[in-house]
Amino acid sequence: MIEARHLRVLRAVARTGSLSAAARALGCTQPAVSQQMKALEQTAGTPLLVRAGRETRLTEAGEALVRHAAGILAGLAAAEEEVAAIAGLRAGRVRLVSFPSASSAIVPAAVAAMRAEHPGARVSLVEAQPPRSVEALREGECDIALAYRYPDAAGPAESDPEWDDLVVRPLLTERLVVLVPQDHRLARAAEAGEEVGLAELAREPWIAGCPRCRGHLVEVCESAGFTPRIDFATDDYPAVVGLVGAGLGVAVLPGLAVESVRPRGVRTVGISPEVRREVAALTLPDLARVPAVAAMLDRLSDAARR
């Protein structure tokens, strides 16, 4: 019989590309990983891995097993959580994956409310940007993923192919704003509450964010008639603010990101026409029926409304 722990190890080997890297990712030793892979191959009755020097590749059978592993592990996690929840949320866990600005602006209030109402439920949090957060959900590594997308680029979230088989709980839609140095020529517009078109910043150097945000920045700038010259790129919002404050460029950030840092030395200016992004909590259909997960979704919705 194939064991779940062996599937987790096989998936780690497939993701990292070697036994040693998988051992580091799992926090165990390479001999332990090798032993579990041998046990899985004996159970399967066929080789699952091919070793060529330092590289480890999956056989056809290994690839087939990895394809099924995510669904098997997610189903097992759902079963475990439902059983734990029978006692009325006196036990159980909810694993969150969130992008940084939601981690600071939405998650704390939601987790505090969850703990107050269901003190026996354990909530954990790790950070990841989409699409990695969505991948973690599909691979059984979390129960709820907080993610975002740009509805102006592809329509409402419910029609997004990346999310089309998931349970989508919309949380909020936020405006994006331009950050400029406090002595910038457009700082006066910020003080007056005026908005600017992106075309007015066509010749500015830009500081961009994560890969998805960077791609969206290029799209909206090109729709305004220019391609932005990106001098710096960082996932760290305080770093973006620091670079703008030092006069090294301008940036576009969502409202949650601005609220999550102290924007010193910068001014925020509204964009015309508006550019927005939608923030949602995602889970799998099976997990949505788990009481602890459903309760956490409700707490996230409440925190986002506040």
Protein backbone atom coordinates (compact mmCIF):
# COMPACT_ATOMS: atom_id res chain seq x y z
CA MET A 1 0.00 0.00 0.00
CA ILE A 2 1.30 3.44 -0.96
CA GLU A 3 1.81 5.65 2.09
CA ALA A 4 1.13 9.38 2.16
CA ARG A 5 4.54 10.14 3.68
CA HIS A 6 6.21 8.45 0.71
CA LEU A 7 4.14 10.54 -1.72
CA ARG A 8 5.21 13.73 0.06
CA VAL A 9 8.85 12.74 -0.29
CA LEU A 10 8.42 11.85 -3.99
CA ARG A 11 6.77 15.20 -4.63
CA ALA A 12 9.63 16.98 -2.88
CA VAL A 13 12.18 15.13 -5.04
CA ALA A 14 10.22 16.06 -8.18
CA ARG A 15 10.05 19.72 -7.13
CA THR A 16 13.68 20.11 -6.05
CA GLY A 17 15.38 17.84 -8.58
CA SER A 18 17.57 15.80 -6.21
CA LEU A 19 17.46 13.64 -3.11
CA SER A 20 19.73 15.96 -1.15
CA ALA A 21 17.68 19.05 -2.02
CA ALA A 22 14.49 17.21 -1.10
CA ALA A 23 16.02 16.24 2.25
CA ARG A 24 16.84 19.89 2.96
CA ALA A 25 13.34 21.00 2.01
CA LEU A 26 11.77 18.34 4.24
CA GLY A 27 14.15 18.88 7.14
CA CYS A 28 15.48 15.33 7.19
CA THR A 29 18.57 13.42 6.05
CA GLN A 30 19.36 12.23 2.54
CA PRO A 31 19.58 8.56 3.67
CA ALA A 32 16.06 8.87 5.07
CA VAL A 33 14.81 10.22 1.73
CA SER A 34 16.61 7.42 -0.16
CA GLN A 35 15.11 4.80 2.16
CA GLN A 36 11.58 6.10 1.66
CA MET A 37 12.03 6.22 -2.11
CA LYS A 38 13.23 2.61 -2.12
CA ALA A 39 10.20 1.60 -0.07
CA LEU A 40 7.88 3.43 -2.48
CA GLU A 41 9.50 1.81 -5.52
CA GLN A 42 9.10 -1.61 -3.90
CA THR A 43 5.42 -0.91 -3.30
CA ALA A 44 4.94 0.39 -6.85
CA GLY A 45 6.84 -2.53 -8.33
CA THR A 46 8.72 -0.32 -10.78
CA PRO A 47 11.48 2.33 -10.70
CA LEU A 48 10.25 5.84 -10.05
CA LEU A 49 13.55 7.73 -10.19
CA VAL A 50 16.54 7.74 -12.52
CA ARG A 51 19.80 9.05 -11.09
CA ALA A 52 22.36 10.57 -13.47
CA GLY A 53 25.26 12.10 -11.56
CA ARG A 54 23.86 14.75 -9.25
CA GLU A 55 20.60 14.97 -11.16
CA THR A 56 17.53 12.92 -10.32
CA ARG A 57 14.76 12.52 -12.90
CA LEU A 58 11.37 10.90 -12.68
CA THR A 59 10.53 7.85 -14.76
CA GLU A 60 7.21 7.73 -16.58
CA ALA A 61 5.73 5.88 -13.61
CA GLY A 62 7.15 8.47 -11.24
CA GLU A 63 5.60 11.30 -13.23
CA ALA A 64 2.22 9.55 -13.17
CA LEU A 65 2.40 9.08 -9.41
CA VAL A 66 3.35 12.73 -8.82
CA ARG A 67 0.37 13.86 -10.90
CA HIS A 68 -1.97 11.93 -8.62
CA ALA A 69 -0.15 12.77 -5.39
CA ALA A 70 -1.55 16.31 -5.01
CA GLY A 71 -5.16 15.14 -5.19
CA ILE A 72 -4.51 12.21 -2.87
CA LEU A 73 -2.79 14.36 -0.24
CA ALA A 74 -5.42 17.09 -0.48
CA GLY A 75 -8.19 14.55 -0.02
CA LEU A 76 -6.37 13.04 2.94
CA ALA A 77 -5.91 16.48 4.52
CA ALA A 78 -9.62 17.21 4.06
CA ALA A 79 -10.53 13.90 5.71
CA GLU A 80 -8.24 14.56 8.66
CA GLU A 81 -9.64 18.05 9.18
CA GLU A 82 -13.27 16.93 8.99
CA VAL A 83 -12.65 14.24 11.60
CA ALA A 84 -10.91 16.75 13.89
CA ALA A 85 -13.79 19.18 13.44
CA ILE A 86 -16.44 16.71 14.64
CA ALA A 87 -15.72 17.82 18.20
CA GLY A 88 -17.07 21.27 17.33
CA LEU A 89 -13.80 23.00 16.44
CA ARG A 90 -12.19 22.02 19.73
CA ALA A 91 -9.36 20.67 17.58
CA GLY A 92 -8.03 21.02 14.06
CA ARG A 93 -5.84 23.38 12.12
CA VAL A 94 -6.01 25.86 9.29
CA ARG A 95 -2.89 26.49 7.21
CA LEU A 96 -2.82 29.90 5.53
CA VAL A 97 -0.60 31.10 2.70
CA SER A 98 -0.76 34.84 2.11
CA PHE A 99 1.05 37.56 0.19
CA PRO A 100 2.86 40.07 2.45
CA SER A 101 0.50 43.06 2.46
CA ALA A 102 -2.53 40.88 3.24
CA SER A 103 -0.46 39.21 5.98
CA SER A 104 -0.17 42.53 7.74
CA ALA A 105 -3.50 44.16 6.86
CA ILE A 106 -6.07 41.31 6.90
CA VAL A 107 -4.66 38.17 8.50
CA PRO A 108 -3.88 39.41 12.06
CA ALA A 109 -7.45 40.52 12.84
CA ALA A 110 -8.88 37.39 11.23
CA VAL A 111 -6.62 35.04 13.19
CA ALA A 112 -7.27 36.91 16.44
CA ALA A 113 -11.04 36.57 15.92
CA MET A 114 -10.64 32.88 15.05
CA ARG A 115 -8.61 32.23 18.18
CA ALA A 116 -11.14 34.08 20.36
CA GLU A 117 -14.08 32.09 18.99
CA HIS A 118 -12.36 28.72 18.56
CA PRO A 119 -9.31 28.57 20.84
CA GLY A 120 -8.73 24.91 20.07
CA ALA A 121 -8.20 25.53 16.36
CA ARG A 122 -4.59 26.11 15.36
CA VAL A 123 -3.84 28.59 12.57
CA SER A 124 -0.46 28.77 10.85
CA LEU A 125 0.81 31.23 8.25
CA VAL A 126 3.52 31.26 5.61
CA GLU A 127 3.98 33.88 2.91
CA ALA A 128 4.02 33.43 -0.84
CA GLN A 129 3.03 35.53 -3.81
CA PRO A 130 0.62 34.18 -6.42
CA PRO A 131 0.84 32.03 -8.44
CA ARG A 132 3.03 30.13 -5.94
CA SER A 133 0.35 30.47 -3.23
CA VAL A 134 -2.25 28.91 -5.54
CA GLU A 135 0.16 26.09 -6.39
CA ALA A 136 0.66 25.45 -2.66
CA LEU A 137 -3.10 25.10 -2.25
CA ARG A 138 -3.40 22.63 -5.12
CA GLU A 139 -0.44 20.61 -3.84
CA GLY A 140 -1.97 20.17 -0.40
CA GLU A 141 0.51 22.43 1.39
CA CYS A 142 -2.15 24.79 2.76
CA ASP A 143 -5.89 25.01 3.32
CA ILE A 144 -6.51 28.65 2.33
CA ALA A 145 -4.50 30.81 -0.05
CA LEU A 146 -4.86 34.58 -0.09
CA ALA A 147 -4.14 35.75 -3.60
CA TYR A 148 -4.85 38.61 -5.95
CA ARG A 149 -5.39 39.29 -9.59
CA TYR A 150 -6.05 42.29 -11.80
CA PRO A 151 -9.70 42.22 -12.91
CA ASP A 152 -9.14 45.01 -15.40
CA ALA A 153 -6.86 42.61 -17.30
CA ALA A 154 -9.08 39.52 -17.50
CA GLY A 155 -12.55 40.11 -16.07
CA PRO A 156 -13.97 39.03 -12.69
CA ALA A 157 -12.07 36.58 -10.51
CA GLU A 158 -14.67 33.84 -10.90
CA SER A 159 -13.80 33.61 -14.63
CA ASP A 160 -10.04 33.33 -14.07
CA PRO A 161 -8.81 29.96 -15.46
CA GLU A 162 -6.19 29.86 -12.71
CA TRP A 163 -8.98 29.79 -10.12
CA ASP A 164 -11.85 28.19 -12.05
CA ASP A 165 -11.92 24.91 -10.06
CA LEU A 166 -11.42 26.56 -6.66
CA VAL A 167 -13.79 28.04 -4.11
CA VAL A 168 -13.30 31.81 -4.38
CA ARG A 169 -14.21 34.09 -1.45
CA PRO A 170 -13.81 37.71 -2.66
CA LEU A 171 -12.35 39.88 0.11
CA LEU A 172 -11.85 43.34 -1.36
CA THR A 173 -10.96 45.32 -4.45
CA GLU A 174 -8.28 47.94 -3.92
CA ARG A 175 -6.99 50.84 -5.98
CA LEU A 176 -3.38 51.11 -7.05
CA VAL A 177 -1.58 54.39 -6.46
CA VAL A 178 1.62 55.97 -7.75
CA LEU A 179 4.43 56.66 -5.28
CA VAL A 180 6.68 59.62 -6.07
CA PRO A 181 9.48 61.26 -4.03
CA GLN A 182 8.23 64.07 -1.80
CA ASP A 183 10.08 66.68 -3.88
CA HIS A 184 8.82 65.27 -7.21
CA ARG A 185 7.09 67.58 -9.65
CA LEU A 186 3.83 65.63 -9.09
CA ALA A 187 3.98 65.78 -5.29
CA ARG A 188 1.78 68.87 -5.38
CA ALA A 189 -0.91 66.85 -7.16
CA ALA A 190 -0.79 64.37 -4.30
CA GLU A 191 -1.25 67.12 -1.73
CA ALA A 192 -4.18 68.54 -3.71
CA GLY A 193 -5.83 65.12 -3.99
CA GLU A 194 -5.56 65.20 -7.76
CA GLU A 195 -5.04 62.19 -10.01
CA VAL A 196 -2.51 61.71 -12.78
CA GLY A 197 -2.36 59.63 -15.93
CA LEU A 198 0.46 57.13 -16.19
CA ALA A 199 1.57 58.77 -19.44
CA GLU A 200 2.79 61.72 -17.34
CA LEU A 201 5.40 59.36 -15.87
CA ALA A 202 6.58 57.91 -19.18
CA ARG A 203 10.14 59.23 -18.83
CA GLU A 204 10.59 58.32 -15.18
CA PRO A 205 12.72 55.43 -13.90
CA TRP A 206 10.51 52.79 -12.25
CA ILE A 207 10.76 50.52 -9.24
CA ALA A 208 8.74 47.33 -9.80
CA GLY A 209 7.47 44.63 -7.45
CA CYS A 210 6.97 40.87 -7.69
CA PRO A 211 6.95 39.16 -11.14
CA ARG A 212 3.14 39.25 -11.43
CA CYS A 213 3.00 42.92 -10.35
CA ARG A 214 5.88 43.71 -12.69
CA GLY A 215 4.07 42.14 -15.62
CA HIS A 216 0.92 44.07 -14.81
CA LEU A 217 2.88 47.33 -14.54
CA VAL A 218 4.25 46.81 -18.04
CA GLU A 219 0.74 46.06 -19.36
CA VAL A 220 -0.90 49.17 -17.93
CA CYS A 221 2.00 51.41 -18.96
CA GLU A 222 1.94 50.05 -22.50
CA SER A 223 -1.80 50.67 -22.61
CA ALA A 224 -0.95 54.28 -21.68
CA GLY A 225 1.43 54.49 -24.64
CA PHE A 226 4.88 53.75 -23.24
CA THR A 227 7.11 50.96 -21.93
CA PRO A 228 8.41 51.65 -18.42
CA ARG A 229 12.15 51.72 -17.80
CA ILE A 230 12.45 49.47 -14.75
CA ASP A 231 15.67 50.19 -12.88
CA PHE A 232 14.90 48.23 -9.71
CA ALA A 233 12.70 45.23 -8.88
CA THR A 234 11.98 43.94 -5.39
CA ASP A 235 9.23 41.97 -3.62
CA ASP A 236 9.86 43.96 -0.42
CA TYR A 237 7.41 46.85 -0.07
CA PRO A 238 9.52 48.82 2.44
CA ALA A 239 12.39 48.58 -0.05
CA VAL A 240 10.14 49.98 -2.79
CA VAL A 241 9.18 52.90 -0.55
CA GLY A 242 12.82 53.45 0.42
CA LEU A 243 13.97 53.52 -3.19
CA VAL A 244 11.23 55.99 -4.14
CA GLY A 245 11.96 58.12 -1.07
CA ALA A 246 15.62 58.28 -2.07
CA GLY A 247 14.59 59.79 -5.41
CA LEU A 248 15.60 56.74 -7.45
CA GLY A 249 12.33 56.36 -9.29
CA VAL A 250 8.55 56.07 -9.05
CA ALA A 251 6.40 53.02 -8.34
CA VAL A 252 2.84 51.73 -8.44
CA LEU A 253 1.61 49.96 -5.30
CA PRO A 254 -1.78 48.66 -4.13
CA GLY A 255 -3.46 50.34 -1.20
CA LEU A 256 -2.83 47.42 1.19
CA ALA A 257 0.90 47.61 0.50
CA VAL A 258 1.03 51.33 1.27
CA GLU A 259 -0.89 50.77 4.52
CA SER A 260 1.52 48.00 5.55
CA VAL A 261 4.59 50.28 5.61
CA ARG A 262 5.46 53.77 6.81
CA PRO A 263 5.74 55.74 3.57
CA ARG A 264 8.45 58.21 4.59
CA GLY A 265 9.81 60.66 2.03
CA VAL A 266 7.16 59.80 -0.57
CA ARG A 267 3.77 61.01 -1.74
CA THR A 268 0.92 58.89 -3.09
CA VAL A 269 -0.98 60.02 -6.17
CA GLY A 270 -4.18 58.53 -7.54
CA ILE A 271 -4.15 57.07 -11.06
CA SER A 272 -6.61 58.09 -13.75
CA PRO A 273 -8.16 56.00 -15.14
CA GLU A 274 -8.33 53.81 -12.02
CA VAL A 275 -6.25 50.65 -11.83
CA ARG A 276 -7.48 48.03 -9.38
CA ARG A 277 -6.66 44.57 -8.13
CA GLU A 278 -8.96 42.03 -6.51
CA VAL A 279 -7.97 40.17 -3.34
CA ALA A 280 -9.61 36.83 -2.58
CA ALA A 281 -9.30 33.84 -0.28
CA LEU A 282 -9.11 30.55 -2.18
CA THR A 283 -9.63 26.97 -1.07
CA LEU A 284 -10.45 23.57 -2.53
CA PRO A 285 -14.09 22.42 -2.71
CA ASP A 286 -13.44 19.52 -0.31
CA LEU A 287 -11.69 21.79 2.18
CA ALA A 288 -14.46 24.39 2.04
CA ARG A 289 -16.73 21.86 3.81
CA VAL A 290 -14.31 21.57 6.75
CA PRO A 291 -15.79 23.67 9.59
CA ALA A 292 -12.46 25.19 10.65
CA VAL A 293 -11.70 26.29 7.10
CA ALA A 294 -15.21 27.69 6.62
CA ALA A 295 -14.91 29.61 9.89
CA MET A 296 -11.53 31.03 8.86
CA LEU A 297 -12.96 32.17 5.53
CA ASP A 298 -15.69 34.02 7.41
CA ARG A 299 -13.16 35.68 9.71
CA LEU A 300 -11.06 36.77 6.71
CA SER A 301 -14.17 38.29 5.10
CA ASP A 302 -14.99 40.16 8.30
CA ALA A 303 -11.43 41.49 8.63
CA ALA A 304 -11.39 42.63 4.99
CA ARG A 305 -14.69 44.51 5.43
CA ARG A 306 -13.28 46.34 8.44
